[in-house]
Amino acid sequence: MYLIYSIALLVISNIMAFYQLNGQFIWKDSSFWNNGALMSIFGMPVGYMFFWATKFSYEHFGFMWNMRMIGFGVGTIIFGIMSYGILREIPTTKTFICILLALAIILIQITNVVDK
């Protein structure tokens, strides 16, 4: 159950981080999304969710490396999907291969459970 919580928090926090960092390109004339101070404040709940995702992952695996790899993979996949869906950036073959590799990393890590 901890793994499900961890991955769910990673997905939500990566979506929020995408808007925090790239909202300035989506809403170019917005005084909210182009304000560095407000985006720093917006980063507090994102960081809080990453904290709990890490804690839940450690509770599940008992190691930190699994979370690092899963976090990288989830972040890459979310960024790829949102860049395509929102910013209309079409992935190249190289980008698509990287997204597939990120998925492979996630699958390898979630099936790599070692008894403590």
N, C-alpha and C. Protein backbone atom coordinates (compact mmCIF):
# COMPACT_ATOMS: atom_id res chain seq x y z
N MET A 1 0.82 -1.19 0.00
CA MET A 1 0.00 0.00 0.00
C MET A 1 0.87 1.26 0.00
N TYR A 2 2.02 1.19 0.71
CA TYR A 2 2.92 2.34 0.74
C TYR A 2 3.40 2.70 -0.67
N LEU A 3 3.64 1.68 -1.50
CA LEU A 3 4.12 1.94 -2.85
C LEU A 3 3.06 2.69 -3.67
N ILE A 4 1.81 2.32 -3.51
CA ILE A 4 0.73 3.01 -4.23
C ILE A 4 0.64 4.46 -3.78
N TYR A 5 0.71 4.70 -2.46
CA TYR A 5 0.70 6.08 -1.96
C TYR A 5 1.86 6.87 -2.52
N SER A 6 3.03 6.25 -2.52
CA SER A 6 4.23 6.92 -2.98
C SER A 6 4.11 7.33 -4.45
N ILE A 7 3.69 6.40 -5.28
CA ILE A 7 3.58 6.69 -6.72
C ILE A 7 2.47 7.71 -6.98
N ALA A 8 1.36 7.61 -6.26
CA ALA A 8 0.28 8.59 -6.43
C ALA A 8 0.77 9.99 -6.07
N LEU A 9 1.49 10.11 -4.97
CA LEU A 9 2.04 11.42 -4.59
C LEU A 9 3.05 11.91 -5.60
N LEU A 10 3.85 11.01 -6.15
CA LEU A 10 4.82 11.41 -7.18
C LEU A 10 4.11 11.96 -8.42
N VAL A 11 3.05 11.30 -8.82
CA VAL A 11 2.31 11.77 -10.00
C VAL A 11 1.73 13.15 -9.74
N ILE A 12 1.04 13.32 -8.61
CA ILE A 12 0.42 14.61 -8.30
C ILE A 12 1.46 15.71 -8.16
N SER A 13 2.54 15.42 -7.43
CA SER A 13 3.56 16.45 -7.21
C SER A 13 4.30 16.79 -8.50
N ASN A 14 4.50 15.83 -9.39
CA ASN A 14 5.14 16.15 -10.67
C ASN A 14 4.23 16.97 -11.57
N ILE A 15 2.94 16.72 -11.51
CA ILE A 15 2.00 17.56 -12.27
C ILE A 15 2.04 18.99 -11.74
N MET A 16 2.02 19.12 -10.42
CA MET A 16 2.09 20.46 -9.82
C MET A 16 3.41 21.15 -10.15
N ALA A 17 4.51 20.39 -10.09
CA ALA A 17 5.82 20.95 -10.41
C ALA A 17 5.89 21.39 -11.87
N PHE A 18 5.22 20.64 -12.75
CA PHE A 18 5.20 21.02 -14.16
C PHE A 18 4.57 22.41 -14.31
N TYR A 19 3.42 22.61 -13.67
CA TYR A 19 2.77 23.91 -13.74
C TYR A 19 3.59 24.99 -13.06
N GLN A 20 4.20 24.64 -11.92
CA GLN A 20 5.01 25.62 -11.20
C GLN A 20 6.15 26.14 -12.08
N LEU A 21 6.82 25.24 -12.78
CA LEU A 21 8.00 25.62 -13.55
C LEU A 21 7.67 26.06 -14.98
N ASN A 22 6.60 25.53 -15.55
CA ASN A 22 6.30 25.80 -16.96
C ASN A 22 5.04 26.62 -17.18
N GLY A 23 4.34 26.98 -16.09
CA GLY A 23 3.17 27.84 -16.22
C GLY A 23 3.49 29.16 -16.88
N GLN A 24 4.72 29.61 -16.70
CA GLN A 24 5.15 30.87 -17.32
C GLN A 24 5.12 30.79 -18.85
N PHE A 25 5.22 29.60 -19.41
CA PHE A 25 5.18 29.44 -20.87
C PHE A 25 3.77 29.17 -21.37
N ILE A 26 2.92 28.68 -20.48
CA ILE A 26 1.52 28.41 -20.84
C ILE A 26 0.72 29.71 -20.78
N TRP A 27 0.87 30.45 -19.69
CA TRP A 27 0.16 31.70 -19.48
C TRP A 27 1.18 32.84 -19.44
N LYS A 28 1.66 33.23 -20.59
CA LYS A 28 2.77 34.19 -20.71
C LYS A 28 2.46 35.56 -20.13
N ASP A 29 1.20 35.96 -20.12
CA ASP A 29 0.84 37.29 -19.63
C ASP A 29 0.32 37.28 -18.19
N SER A 30 0.38 36.13 -17.54
CA SER A 30 -0.16 36.01 -16.19
C SER A 30 0.81 36.58 -15.16
N SER A 31 0.29 37.41 -14.27
CA SER A 31 1.14 37.95 -13.21
C SER A 31 1.38 36.91 -12.11
N PHE A 32 0.54 35.89 -12.04
CA PHE A 32 0.73 34.82 -11.05
C PHE A 32 1.83 33.85 -11.49
N TRP A 33 1.67 33.29 -12.69
CA TRP A 33 2.60 32.25 -13.15
C TRP A 33 3.97 32.80 -13.52
N ASN A 34 4.11 34.10 -13.66
CA ASN A 34 5.40 34.71 -13.98
C ASN A 34 6.03 35.39 -12.78
N ASN A 35 5.52 35.12 -11.60
CA ASN A 35 6.04 35.72 -10.37
C ASN A 35 6.87 34.67 -9.62
N GLY A 36 8.19 34.89 -9.60
CA GLY A 36 9.09 33.94 -8.96
C GLY A 36 8.81 33.71 -7.49
N ALA A 37 8.43 34.78 -6.78
CA ALA A 37 8.14 34.64 -5.35
C ALA A 37 6.91 33.76 -5.13
N LEU A 38 5.85 33.98 -5.91
CA LEU A 38 4.65 33.15 -5.77
C LEU A 38 4.92 31.70 -6.16
N MET A 39 5.75 31.50 -7.18
CA MET A 39 6.08 30.14 -7.58
C MET A 39 6.92 29.44 -6.52
N SER A 40 7.73 30.20 -5.79
CA SER A 40 8.49 29.61 -4.68
C SER A 40 7.56 29.14 -3.58
N ILE A 41 6.54 29.94 -3.29
CA ILE A 41 5.54 29.56 -2.28
C ILE A 41 4.75 28.34 -2.77
N PHE A 42 4.42 28.34 -4.06
CA PHE A 42 3.70 27.22 -4.67
C PHE A 42 4.53 25.92 -4.55
N GLY A 43 5.84 26.07 -4.46
CA GLY A 43 6.72 24.91 -4.33
C GLY A 43 6.66 24.23 -2.98
N MET A 44 6.14 24.91 -1.97
CA MET A 44 6.09 24.31 -0.62
C MET A 44 5.20 23.06 -0.58
N PRO A 45 3.97 23.09 -1.08
CA PRO A 45 3.19 21.85 -1.06
C PRO A 45 3.78 20.78 -1.97
N VAL A 46 4.43 21.19 -3.05
CA VAL A 46 5.07 20.22 -3.94
C VAL A 46 6.18 19.50 -3.18
N GLY A 47 7.02 20.25 -2.51
CA GLY A 47 8.09 19.66 -1.72
C GLY A 47 7.57 18.77 -0.61
N TYR A 48 6.48 19.17 0.01
CA TYR A 48 5.86 18.38 1.07
C TYR A 48 5.40 17.03 0.53
N MET A 49 4.81 17.02 -0.67
CA MET A 49 4.36 15.77 -1.27
C MET A 49 5.54 14.88 -1.65
N PHE A 50 6.62 15.49 -2.16
CA PHE A 50 7.82 14.70 -2.47
C PHE A 50 8.38 14.07 -1.18
N PHE A 51 8.34 14.82 -0.08
CA PHE A 51 8.80 14.31 1.20
C PHE A 51 8.03 13.04 1.58
N TRP A 52 6.70 13.10 1.51
CA TRP A 52 5.89 11.95 1.89
C TRP A 52 6.02 10.81 0.90
N ALA A 53 6.18 11.12 -0.38
CA ALA A 53 6.40 10.06 -1.38
C ALA A 53 7.68 9.30 -1.05
N THR A 54 8.72 10.04 -0.65
CA THR A 54 9.98 9.41 -0.29
C THR A 54 9.82 8.56 0.97
N LYS A 55 9.11 9.09 1.95
CA LYS A 55 8.89 8.35 3.20
C LYS A 55 8.12 7.06 2.95
N PHE A 56 7.06 7.12 2.16
CA PHE A 56 6.27 5.92 1.87
C PHE A 56 7.08 4.91 1.07
N SER A 57 7.88 5.39 0.13
CA SER A 57 8.71 4.49 -0.65
C SER A 57 9.72 3.77 0.24
N TYR A 58 10.32 4.52 1.16
CA TYR A 58 11.29 3.90 2.06
C TYR A 58 10.60 2.86 2.95
N GLU A 59 9.39 3.16 3.38
CA GLU A 59 8.65 2.19 4.19
C GLU A 59 8.38 0.91 3.39
N HIS A 60 8.15 1.05 2.10
CA HIS A 60 7.87 -0.12 1.26
C HIS A 60 9.13 -0.93 0.96
N PHE A 61 10.18 -0.23 0.49
CA PHE A 61 11.39 -0.92 0.03
C PHE A 61 12.45 -1.11 1.11
N GLY A 62 12.56 -0.13 2.02
CA GLY A 62 13.64 -0.15 3.00
C GLY A 62 14.94 0.39 2.47
N PHE A 63 14.92 0.93 1.25
CA PHE A 63 16.10 1.50 0.60
C PHE A 63 15.72 2.81 -0.07
N MET A 64 16.71 3.66 -0.29
CA MET A 64 16.47 4.94 -0.95
C MET A 64 16.58 4.87 -2.47
N TRP A 65 17.44 3.99 -2.98
CA TRP A 65 17.69 3.97 -4.42
C TRP A 65 16.45 3.68 -5.23
N ASN A 66 15.59 2.82 -4.72
CA ASN A 66 14.37 2.52 -5.47
C ASN A 66 13.56 3.78 -5.73
N MET A 67 13.42 4.61 -4.70
CA MET A 67 12.64 5.84 -4.83
C MET A 67 13.29 6.79 -5.81
N ARG A 68 14.60 6.87 -5.78
CA ARG A 68 15.30 7.78 -6.69
C ARG A 68 15.01 7.41 -8.14
N MET A 69 15.08 6.14 -8.44
CA MET A 69 14.85 5.68 -9.81
C MET A 69 13.38 5.82 -10.22
N ILE A 70 12.48 5.46 -9.30
CA ILE A 70 11.04 5.58 -9.59
C ILE A 70 10.68 7.05 -9.77
N GLY A 71 11.20 7.90 -8.89
CA GLY A 71 10.92 9.34 -9.00
C GLY A 71 11.39 9.91 -10.32
N PHE A 72 12.59 9.50 -10.75
CA PHE A 72 13.11 9.95 -12.04
C PHE A 72 12.19 9.48 -13.18
N GLY A 73 11.80 8.22 -13.13
CA GLY A 73 10.96 7.67 -14.18
C GLY A 73 9.60 8.33 -14.24
N VAL A 74 8.95 8.48 -13.09
CA VAL A 74 7.63 9.12 -13.05
C VAL A 74 7.73 10.56 -13.53
N GLY A 75 8.74 11.28 -13.06
CA GLY A 75 8.92 12.68 -13.48
C GLY A 75 9.12 12.81 -14.98
N THR A 76 9.89 11.90 -15.55
CA THR A 76 10.14 11.93 -17.00
C THR A 76 8.86 11.65 -17.79
N ILE A 77 8.11 10.66 -17.34
CA ILE A 77 6.86 10.32 -18.04
C ILE A 77 5.83 11.44 -17.92
N ILE A 78 5.65 11.97 -16.72
CA ILE A 78 4.68 13.07 -16.53
C ILE A 78 5.08 14.27 -17.36
N PHE A 79 6.37 14.63 -17.33
CA PHE A 79 6.83 15.77 -18.11
C PHE A 79 6.59 15.54 -19.61
N GLY A 80 6.87 14.35 -20.08
CA GLY A 80 6.65 14.04 -21.50
C GLY A 80 5.19 14.15 -21.91
N ILE A 81 4.32 13.59 -21.08
CA ILE A 81 2.88 13.63 -21.38
C ILE A 81 2.37 15.07 -21.35
N MET A 82 2.77 15.82 -20.33
CA MET A 82 2.26 17.19 -20.19
C MET A 82 2.87 18.13 -21.24
N SER A 83 4.12 17.92 -21.58
CA SER A 83 4.72 18.76 -22.63
C SER A 83 4.00 18.55 -23.96
N TYR A 84 3.65 17.31 -24.23
CA TYR A 84 2.94 17.03 -25.46
C TYR A 84 1.50 17.54 -25.39
N GLY A 85 0.82 17.25 -24.28
CA GLY A 85 -0.60 17.58 -24.17
C GLY A 85 -0.89 19.06 -23.99
N ILE A 86 -0.01 19.76 -23.28
CA ILE A 86 -0.30 21.16 -22.96
C ILE A 86 0.50 22.13 -23.84
N LEU A 87 1.79 21.87 -23.96
CA LEU A 87 2.63 22.78 -24.73
C LEU A 87 2.73 22.39 -26.21
N ARG A 88 2.12 21.25 -26.55
CA ARG A 88 2.09 20.76 -27.92
C ARG A 88 3.50 20.50 -28.48
N GLU A 89 4.41 20.10 -27.62
CA GLU A 89 5.75 19.74 -28.05
C GLU A 89 5.75 18.27 -28.45
N ILE A 90 5.97 18.01 -29.70
CA ILE A 90 5.92 16.64 -30.22
C ILE A 90 7.24 15.95 -29.89
N PRO A 91 7.17 14.79 -29.20
CA PRO A 91 8.42 14.11 -28.86
C PRO A 91 9.11 13.54 -30.09
N THR A 92 10.43 13.65 -30.09
CA THR A 92 11.22 13.04 -31.15
C THR A 92 11.39 11.55 -30.85
N THR A 93 11.96 10.84 -31.77
CA THR A 93 12.23 9.42 -31.54
C THR A 93 13.11 9.24 -30.31
N LYS A 94 14.11 10.10 -30.17
CA LYS A 94 15.02 10.03 -29.02
C LYS A 94 14.25 10.26 -27.72
N THR A 95 13.35 11.22 -27.69
CA THR A 95 12.55 11.50 -26.50
C THR A 95 11.63 10.32 -26.18
N PHE A 96 11.00 9.76 -27.21
CA PHE A 96 10.11 8.62 -27.01
C PHE A 96 10.86 7.44 -26.43
N ILE A 97 12.08 7.19 -26.91
CA ILE A 97 12.90 6.10 -26.37
C ILE A 97 13.24 6.36 -24.91
N CYS A 98 13.54 7.61 -24.57
CA CYS A 98 13.84 7.96 -23.17
C CYS A 98 12.63 7.73 -22.27
N ILE A 99 11.44 8.04 -22.76
CA ILE A 99 10.23 7.81 -21.98
C ILE A 99 10.01 6.30 -21.79
N LEU A 100 10.26 5.51 -22.81
CA LEU A 100 10.16 4.06 -22.67
C LEU A 100 11.19 3.53 -21.68
N LEU A 101 12.39 4.09 -21.71
CA LEU A 101 13.41 3.69 -20.74
C LEU A 101 13.00 4.07 -19.31
N ALA A 102 12.37 5.24 -19.17
CA ALA A 102 11.88 5.66 -17.85
C ALA A 102 10.83 4.67 -17.34
N LEU A 103 9.95 4.23 -18.22
CA LEU A 103 8.95 3.23 -17.84
C LEU A 103 9.63 1.93 -17.43
N ALA A 104 10.66 1.54 -18.17
CA ALA A 104 11.40 0.32 -17.83
C ALA A 104 12.05 0.45 -16.45
N ILE A 105 12.61 1.62 -16.15
CA ILE A 105 13.23 1.85 -14.84
C ILE A 105 12.19 1.68 -13.74
N ILE A 106 11.01 2.25 -13.92
CA ILE A 106 9.95 2.13 -12.91
C ILE A 106 9.58 0.66 -12.71
N LEU A 107 9.37 -0.05 -13.80
CA LEU A 107 8.97 -1.46 -13.70
C LEU A 107 10.04 -2.32 -13.03
N ILE A 108 11.30 -2.06 -13.34
CA ILE A 108 12.39 -2.80 -12.71
C ILE A 108 12.41 -2.53 -11.20
N GLN A 109 12.23 -1.29 -10.82
CA GLN A 109 12.31 -0.92 -9.40
C GLN A 109 11.13 -1.45 -8.59
N ILE A 110 9.93 -1.39 -9.14
CA ILE A 110 8.78 -1.82 -8.33
C ILE A 110 8.73 -3.34 -8.19
N THR A 111 9.43 -4.05 -9.07
CA THR A 111 9.49 -5.52 -8.94
C THR A 111 10.74 -5.96 -8.20
N ASN A 112 11.56 -5.03 -7.75
CA ASN A 112 12.81 -5.33 -7.07
C ASN A 112 12.63 -5.18 -5.57
N VAL A 113 11.89 -6.07 -4.97
CA VAL A 113 11.64 -6.02 -3.53
C VAL A 113 12.59 -7.02 -2.86
N VAL A 114 13.40 -6.50 -1.95
CA VAL A 114 14.37 -7.34 -1.24
C VAL A 114 13.93 -7.42 0.22
N ASP A 115 13.97 -8.62 0.77
CA ASP A 115 13.63 -8.76 2.19
C ASP A 115 14.70 -8.09 3.03
N LYS A 116 14.24 -7.37 4.05
CA LYS A 116 15.18 -6.69 4.95
C LYS A 116 15.78 -7.66 5.93
